[in-house]
Amino acid sequence: MLALHQTELGGPEVLRLTELPRPVPRVGEILVAVHAAGLNPTDFKHRARRIFLPPPPLTLGWDVSGTVVETGPGVTLFQPGDEVFGMLPYPHGAGSHAEYVTGPARAFAAKPAGIDHVHAAALPLAALTTWQALAETAGLREGQRVLIHAAAGGVGHLAVQIAKERGAHVTGTASAPKHDFLRELGADACIDHRTEDFTDAGERYDVVLDALGGETATRSVDVLRPGGVLVSLVPGAEDTPAAAEKARVRAIVMIVEHDQAGMRAIADLVERGRLRAHVSGTFPLAEGARAHELGETGRTTGKLVLTVR
């Protein structure tokens, strides 16, 4: 099979289309013929430096949508020919940027029939992150107010939709040209992060979802009501925990986990027309390096996806 592979850490130029052995599903696993695979910021970070994974050689990618080719011993939920989508176990299950990939059967769910593989592949990691952060970790409920940083990004634009589905009042930060996009998704208010300071709005939130970390996390504590929750997807500054304790709020750093129940909840939202991924660009697997270059600009709206079949 062909895979977007790297033998060293570095910039997008280290990615090469490489022929590798097709994997064989082990106990509890399925072999998936990849139709499309989403890109996420964590792909760019792991390509460039060691974080969680061992040193290269590596094939990255956690998002996948495709067709089951073979099942390993003990698998009962899927059979060859089934269309599935899912997130491979993060971080050590990477490998979806290839023509075939194996993963635990219970990391996958049936692909919603109403969307194609490209839009299905854009969902898993970002949507699971949002679901686990808002619905499960923060317990976001109807009538609460939530602030979503980087609301037009991969996680952010899905978070706006999931928060609205749960009945929350949603404020998102993004550059002004993206505000119409956020309003179309259901955002109630928008803040231009280039010209406005979100701490000056006089608003207090029950939940803040922070994909930026650093000082943004610490400053987000100041806009939470007592008892509120800050869920950061990357570490905050050193003073974030102390600031949270002083303000009587919870500050949590969350790492997404593969989760079939979560994938089924996401599929249900898609099937009911309550959640959609915005795909701003697609690239064939052979042009994966170019996709990384674009993604690393940090200006992408929604998601980028690699097309394989």
Protein backbone atom coordinates (compact mmCIF):
# COMPACT_ATOMS: atom_id res chain seq x y z
CA MET A 1 0.00 0.00 0.00
CA LEU A 2 0.99 3.66 -0.31
CA ALA A 3 1.29 5.84 2.77
CA LEU A 4 2.27 9.42 3.57
CA HIS A 5 5.37 8.45 5.51
CA GLN A 6 8.31 10.16 7.17
CA THR A 7 11.71 8.88 8.25
CA GLU A 8 12.74 12.03 10.12
CA LEU A 9 11.16 14.91 12.01
CA GLY A 10 10.90 18.27 10.31
CA GLY A 11 8.83 20.46 8.00
CA PRO A 12 6.27 19.26 5.44
CA GLU A 13 9.11 18.31 3.10
CA VAL A 14 9.88 15.21 5.21
CA LEU A 15 6.57 13.63 4.11
CA ARG A 16 7.00 11.13 1.27
CA LEU A 17 4.55 8.89 -0.52
CA THR A 18 6.05 5.49 0.36
CA GLU A 19 5.16 1.87 -0.34
CA LEU A 20 4.67 -0.06 2.91
CA PRO A 21 3.28 -3.49 3.82
CA ARG A 22 -0.49 -3.58 4.16
CA PRO A 23 -1.34 -4.08 7.86
CA VAL A 24 -3.14 -7.17 9.12
CA PRO A 25 -5.94 -6.80 11.69
CA ARG A 26 -5.23 -8.34 15.08
CA VAL A 27 -7.70 -9.51 17.71
CA GLY A 28 -10.52 -6.98 18.03
CA GLU A 29 -9.36 -4.93 15.04
CA ILE A 30 -10.66 -4.17 11.57
CA LEU A 31 -8.76 -3.43 8.38
CA VAL A 32 -10.17 -0.36 6.65
CA ALA A 33 -9.63 0.71 3.04
CA VAL A 34 -9.22 4.45 3.58
CA HIS A 35 -11.35 6.68 1.35
CA ALA A 36 -10.49 9.93 3.13
CA ALA A 37 -8.52 11.01 6.19
CA GLY A 38 -8.79 14.31 8.05
CA LEU A 39 -5.91 16.56 9.03
CA ASN A 40 -5.59 18.10 12.48
CA PRO A 41 -3.09 20.46 14.14
CA THR A 42 -1.73 17.52 16.11
CA ASP A 43 -0.56 15.99 12.81
CA PHE A 44 1.56 19.05 12.11
CA LYS A 45 3.02 19.05 15.61
CA HIS A 46 3.88 15.34 15.62
CA ARG A 47 5.45 15.61 12.17
CA ALA A 48 7.83 18.31 13.38
CA ARG A 49 8.83 17.18 16.86
CA ARG A 50 8.55 14.35 19.37
CA ILE A 51 5.55 14.74 21.62
CA PHE A 52 3.86 11.43 22.42
CA LEU A 53 5.03 9.14 19.62
CA PRO A 54 8.34 7.30 19.27
CA PRO A 55 10.87 8.69 16.78
CA PRO A 56 10.33 8.10 13.03
CA PRO A 57 9.65 6.21 10.86
CA LEU A 58 6.04 7.32 11.19
CA THR A 59 2.78 7.40 9.31
CA LEU A 60 0.53 9.99 10.92
CA GLY A 61 -3.22 10.50 10.86
CA TRP A 62 -6.00 9.68 13.32
CA ASP A 63 -9.15 10.60 11.37
CA VAL A 64 -10.45 8.02 8.91
CA SER A 65 -13.50 7.20 6.82
CA GLY A 66 -13.56 4.12 4.64
CA THR A 67 -14.77 0.60 4.01
CA VAL A 68 -14.10 -2.49 6.11
CA VAL A 69 -11.96 -4.98 4.18
CA GLU A 70 -11.24 -7.59 6.82
CA THR A 71 -12.06 -8.25 10.47
CA GLY A 72 -9.73 -9.66 13.08
CA PRO A 73 -10.64 -12.45 15.51
CA GLY A 74 -13.46 -11.63 17.87
CA VAL A 75 -14.96 -8.71 15.94
CA THR A 76 -18.77 -8.87 15.85
CA LEU A 77 -19.86 -5.30 15.11
CA PHE A 78 -18.67 -4.97 11.51
CA GLN A 79 -18.17 -7.09 8.45
CA PRO A 80 -16.38 -6.56 5.12
CA GLY A 81 -18.16 -3.97 3.00
CA ASP A 82 -19.40 -1.85 5.90
CA GLU A 83 -18.74 1.89 5.61
CA VAL A 84 -17.27 3.25 8.84
CA PHE A 85 -15.67 6.37 10.28
CA GLY A 86 -13.71 6.88 13.44
CA MET A 87 -10.68 8.13 15.30
CA LEU A 88 -7.75 5.79 15.80
CA PRO A 89 -6.56 5.57 19.43
CA TYR A 90 -4.78 8.80 20.28
CA PRO A 91 -1.85 9.13 20.28
CA HIS A 92 -0.29 5.71 19.61
CA GLY A 93 -2.78 4.49 17.00
CA ALA A 94 -1.74 6.90 14.27
CA GLY A 95 -1.57 5.71 10.67
CA SER A 96 -4.67 6.76 8.71
CA HIS A 97 -2.75 8.77 6.10
CA ALA A 98 -2.40 5.64 4.00
CA GLU A 99 -4.42 3.44 1.67
CA TYR A 100 -5.20 0.96 4.46
CA VAL A 101 -5.20 1.16 8.24
CA THR A 102 -6.06 -1.13 11.13
CA GLY A 103 -7.68 -0.08 14.39
CA PRO A 104 -9.88 -1.34 17.20
CA ALA A 105 -13.37 -2.12 15.95
CA ARG A 106 -14.79 -0.09 18.81
CA ALA A 107 -12.96 3.04 17.67
CA PHE A 108 -15.37 3.14 14.71
CA ALA A 109 -19.05 3.71 14.05
CA ALA A 110 -21.18 3.32 10.96
CA LYS A 111 -20.65 6.24 8.59
CA PRO A 112 -23.77 8.41 8.33
CA ALA A 113 -25.41 7.60 5.01
CA GLY A 114 -26.19 11.23 4.24
CA ILE A 115 -22.60 12.46 3.94
CA ASP A 116 -19.67 11.43 1.79
CA HIS A 117 -16.36 10.04 3.02
CA VAL A 118 -14.63 13.42 2.80
CA HIS A 119 -17.04 15.07 5.23
CA ALA A 120 -17.12 11.98 7.44
CA ALA A 121 -13.32 11.98 7.64
CA ALA A 122 -13.33 15.62 8.74
CA LEU A 123 -15.32 14.82 11.88
CA PRO A 124 -13.83 12.21 14.23
CA LEU A 125 -10.97 13.80 16.20
CA ALA A 126 -12.36 17.33 16.21
CA ALA A 127 -15.95 16.31 16.92
CA LEU A 128 -14.96 13.81 19.60
CA THR A 129 -12.79 16.48 21.22
CA THR A 130 -15.75 18.84 21.28
CA TRP A 131 -18.20 16.23 22.53
CA GLN A 132 -15.89 15.06 25.30
CA ALA A 133 -15.01 18.64 26.29
CA LEU A 134 -18.47 20.20 26.31
CA ALA A 135 -20.98 17.39 26.86
CA GLU A 136 -18.96 15.13 29.14
CA THR A 137 -16.20 17.13 30.86
CA ALA A 138 -17.97 20.47 31.27
CA GLY A 139 -21.50 19.04 31.35
CA LEU A 140 -22.76 21.94 29.22
CA ARG A 141 -26.53 22.24 29.50
CA GLU A 142 -29.41 24.30 28.25
CA GLY A 143 -29.35 27.98 29.17
CA GLN A 144 -25.65 28.14 29.96
CA ARG A 145 -23.25 30.54 28.27
CA VAL A 146 -20.11 29.29 26.55
CA LEU A 147 -17.10 31.05 25.03
CA ILE A 148 -15.30 29.18 22.25
CA HIS A 149 -11.84 30.37 21.27
CA ALA A 150 -10.74 29.91 17.63
CA ALA A 151 -14.38 29.20 16.84
CA ALA A 152 -13.91 28.98 13.06
CA GLY A 153 -11.22 26.29 13.30
CA GLY A 154 -11.52 22.53 13.09
CA VAL A 155 -12.63 21.98 16.67
CA GLY A 156 -14.20 25.40 17.09
CA HIS A 157 -16.73 25.30 14.25
CA LEU A 158 -18.00 21.92 15.46
CA ALA A 159 -18.07 23.16 19.05
CA VAL A 160 -20.36 26.04 18.06
CA GLN A 161 -22.84 23.55 16.60
CA ILE A 162 -22.70 21.07 19.46
CA ALA A 163 -23.05 23.84 22.05
CA LYS A 164 -26.13 25.19 20.24
CA GLU A 165 -27.59 21.68 20.03
CA ARG A 166 -27.29 21.51 23.82
CA GLY A 167 -29.20 24.77 24.19
CA ALA A 168 -26.32 27.04 25.17
CA HIS A 169 -25.74 30.70 24.32
CA VAL A 170 -22.56 30.68 22.22
CA THR A 171 -19.89 33.36 21.81
CA GLY A 172 -17.00 32.64 19.47
CA THR A 173 -13.68 34.37 18.85
CA ALA A 174 -12.44 34.62 15.26
CA SER A 175 -11.25 37.25 12.82
CA ALA A 176 -14.02 39.55 11.56
CA PRO A 177 -14.25 38.02 8.04
CA LYS A 178 -15.26 34.71 9.64
CA HIS A 179 -18.10 36.11 11.76
CA ASP A 180 -20.78 35.51 9.13
CA PHE A 181 -19.65 31.88 8.95
CA LEU A 182 -19.98 31.53 12.73
CA ARG A 183 -23.45 33.08 12.72
CA GLU A 184 -24.53 30.63 10.03
CA LEU A 185 -23.45 27.84 12.36
CA GLY A 186 -25.56 29.32 15.14
CA ALA A 187 -23.19 31.54 17.14
CA ASP A 188 -25.10 34.18 19.14
CA ALA A 189 -22.17 36.60 19.45
CA CYS A 190 -18.73 36.99 17.85
CA ILE A 191 -15.53 38.65 19.06
CA ASP A 192 -12.81 39.76 16.64
CA HIS A 193 -9.66 38.48 18.30
CA ARG A 194 -7.55 40.89 16.22
CA THR A 195 -9.21 44.08 17.41
CA GLU A 196 -11.14 43.16 20.56
CA ASP A 197 -10.13 41.81 23.96
CA PHE A 198 -12.55 39.08 25.02
CA THR A 199 -12.03 40.05 28.68
CA ASP A 200 -13.39 43.57 28.00
CA ALA A 201 -16.84 42.44 26.90
CA GLY A 202 -18.23 42.38 30.44
CA GLU A 203 -19.67 38.92 29.79
CA ARG A 204 -19.41 36.01 32.20
CA TYR A 205 -19.51 32.42 30.98
CA ASP A 206 -20.28 29.03 32.50
CA VAL A 207 -17.84 27.25 30.16
CA VAL A 208 -14.82 28.29 28.11
CA LEU A 209 -13.42 25.96 25.44
CA ASP A 210 -9.82 26.92 24.77
CA ALA A 211 -7.83 25.52 21.84
CA LEU A 212 -5.06 28.12 22.19
CA GLY A 213 -3.59 27.57 25.66
CA GLY A 214 -0.82 29.66 27.16
CA GLU A 215 -1.87 33.08 28.44
CA THR A 216 -5.26 32.75 26.73
CA ALA A 217 -6.12 30.04 29.25
CA THR A 218 -5.15 32.19 32.22
CA ARG A 219 -7.05 35.20 30.89
CA SER A 220 -10.08 33.01 30.23
CA VAL A 221 -10.36 32.33 33.96
CA ASP A 222 -11.31 35.98 34.41
CA VAL A 223 -14.46 35.66 32.29
CA LEU A 224 -15.83 32.57 34.06
CA ARG A 225 -18.52 32.69 36.69
CA PRO A 226 -17.66 31.09 40.05
CA GLY A 227 -18.11 27.37 39.60
CA GLY A 228 -17.46 27.64 35.86
CA VAL A 229 -15.24 25.34 33.82
CA LEU A 230 -12.28 26.08 31.56
CA VAL A 231 -11.50 23.16 29.26
CA SER A 232 -8.17 23.63 27.49
CA LEU A 233 -7.05 21.38 24.65
CA VAL A 234 -3.42 22.44 25.04
CA PRO A 235 -1.63 23.38 28.28
CA GLY A 236 -2.19 26.82 29.74
CA ALA A 237 0.44 29.05 31.29
CA GLU A 238 2.10 28.10 34.56
CA ASP A 239 -0.15 30.45 36.52
CA THR A 240 -3.42 29.08 35.10
CA PRO A 241 -4.12 26.56 37.93
CA ALA A 242 -3.49 29.17 40.64
CA ALA A 243 -5.67 31.72 38.87
CA ALA A 244 -8.46 29.15 38.56
CA GLU A 245 -8.28 28.22 42.23
CA LYS A 246 -8.43 31.88 43.25
CA ALA A 247 -11.44 32.47 40.99
CA ARG A 248 -13.18 29.32 42.27
CA VAL A 249 -13.44 27.72 38.83
CA ARG A 250 -12.18 24.45 37.37
CA ALA A 251 -9.34 24.50 34.85
CA ILE A 252 -8.94 21.21 32.99
CA VAL A 253 -6.51 20.16 30.26
CA MET A 254 -8.13 17.46 28.15
CA ILE A 255 -6.74 14.96 25.65
CA VAL A 256 -9.23 13.29 23.34
CA GLU A 257 -9.86 9.54 23.62
CA HIS A 258 -11.22 7.14 21.01
CA ASP A 259 -14.79 6.32 21.92
CA GLN A 260 -17.46 4.44 20.01
CA ALA A 261 -20.31 5.85 22.08
CA GLY A 262 -19.08 9.34 21.28
CA MET A 263 -18.79 8.49 17.58
CA ARG A 264 -22.36 7.19 17.59
CA ALA A 265 -23.54 10.40 19.27
CA ILE A 266 -21.77 12.40 16.56
CA ALA A 267 -23.28 10.25 13.82
CA ASP A 268 -26.72 10.85 15.33
CA LEU A 269 -26.21 14.62 15.28
CA VAL A 270 -25.13 14.42 11.63
CA GLU A 271 -28.11 12.28 10.67
CA ARG A 272 -30.49 14.71 12.37
CA GLY A 273 -28.95 17.64 10.52
CA ARG A 274 -27.54 19.19 13.68
CA LEU A 275 -23.84 18.86 12.87
CA ARG A 276 -21.81 19.27 9.70
CA ALA A 277 -18.13 19.59 9.01
CA HIS A 278 -16.97 22.49 6.88
CA VAL A 279 -14.22 21.25 4.55
CA SER A 280 -12.18 24.16 3.21
CA GLY A 281 -9.83 22.04 1.09
CA THR A 282 -9.04 18.53 -0.09
CA PHE A 283 -5.71 17.13 -1.24
CA PRO A 284 -4.79 13.76 -2.73
CA LEU A 285 -2.55 11.67 -0.51
CA ALA A 286 0.43 12.41 -2.76
CA GLU A 287 0.03 16.12 -1.99
CA GLY A 288 -0.08 15.68 1.77
CA ALA A 289 2.94 17.94 2.26
CA ARG A 290 1.08 20.80 0.59
CA ALA A 291 -1.90 20.20 2.88
CA HIS A 292 0.41 20.42 5.90
CA GLU A 293 1.82 23.70 4.61
CA LEU A 294 -1.65 25.20 4.32
CA GLY A 295 -2.80 23.84 7.67
CA GLU A 296 0.17 25.27 9.50
CA THR A 297 -0.75 28.81 8.48
CA GLY A 298 -3.44 28.64 11.15
CA ARG A 299 -5.87 30.51 8.91
CA THR A 300 -7.93 27.55 7.70
CA THR A 301 -11.68 27.67 8.23
CA GLY A 302 -12.99 24.27 9.31
CA LYS A 303 -11.02 21.24 8.16
CA LEU A 304 -8.59 19.98 5.52
CA VAL A 305 -8.96 16.41 4.26
CA LEU A 306 -6.72 13.99 2.37
CA THR A 307 -8.50 11.99 -0.33
CA VAL A 308 -7.26 8.45 -0.87
CA ARG A 309 -9.96 6.67 -2.94
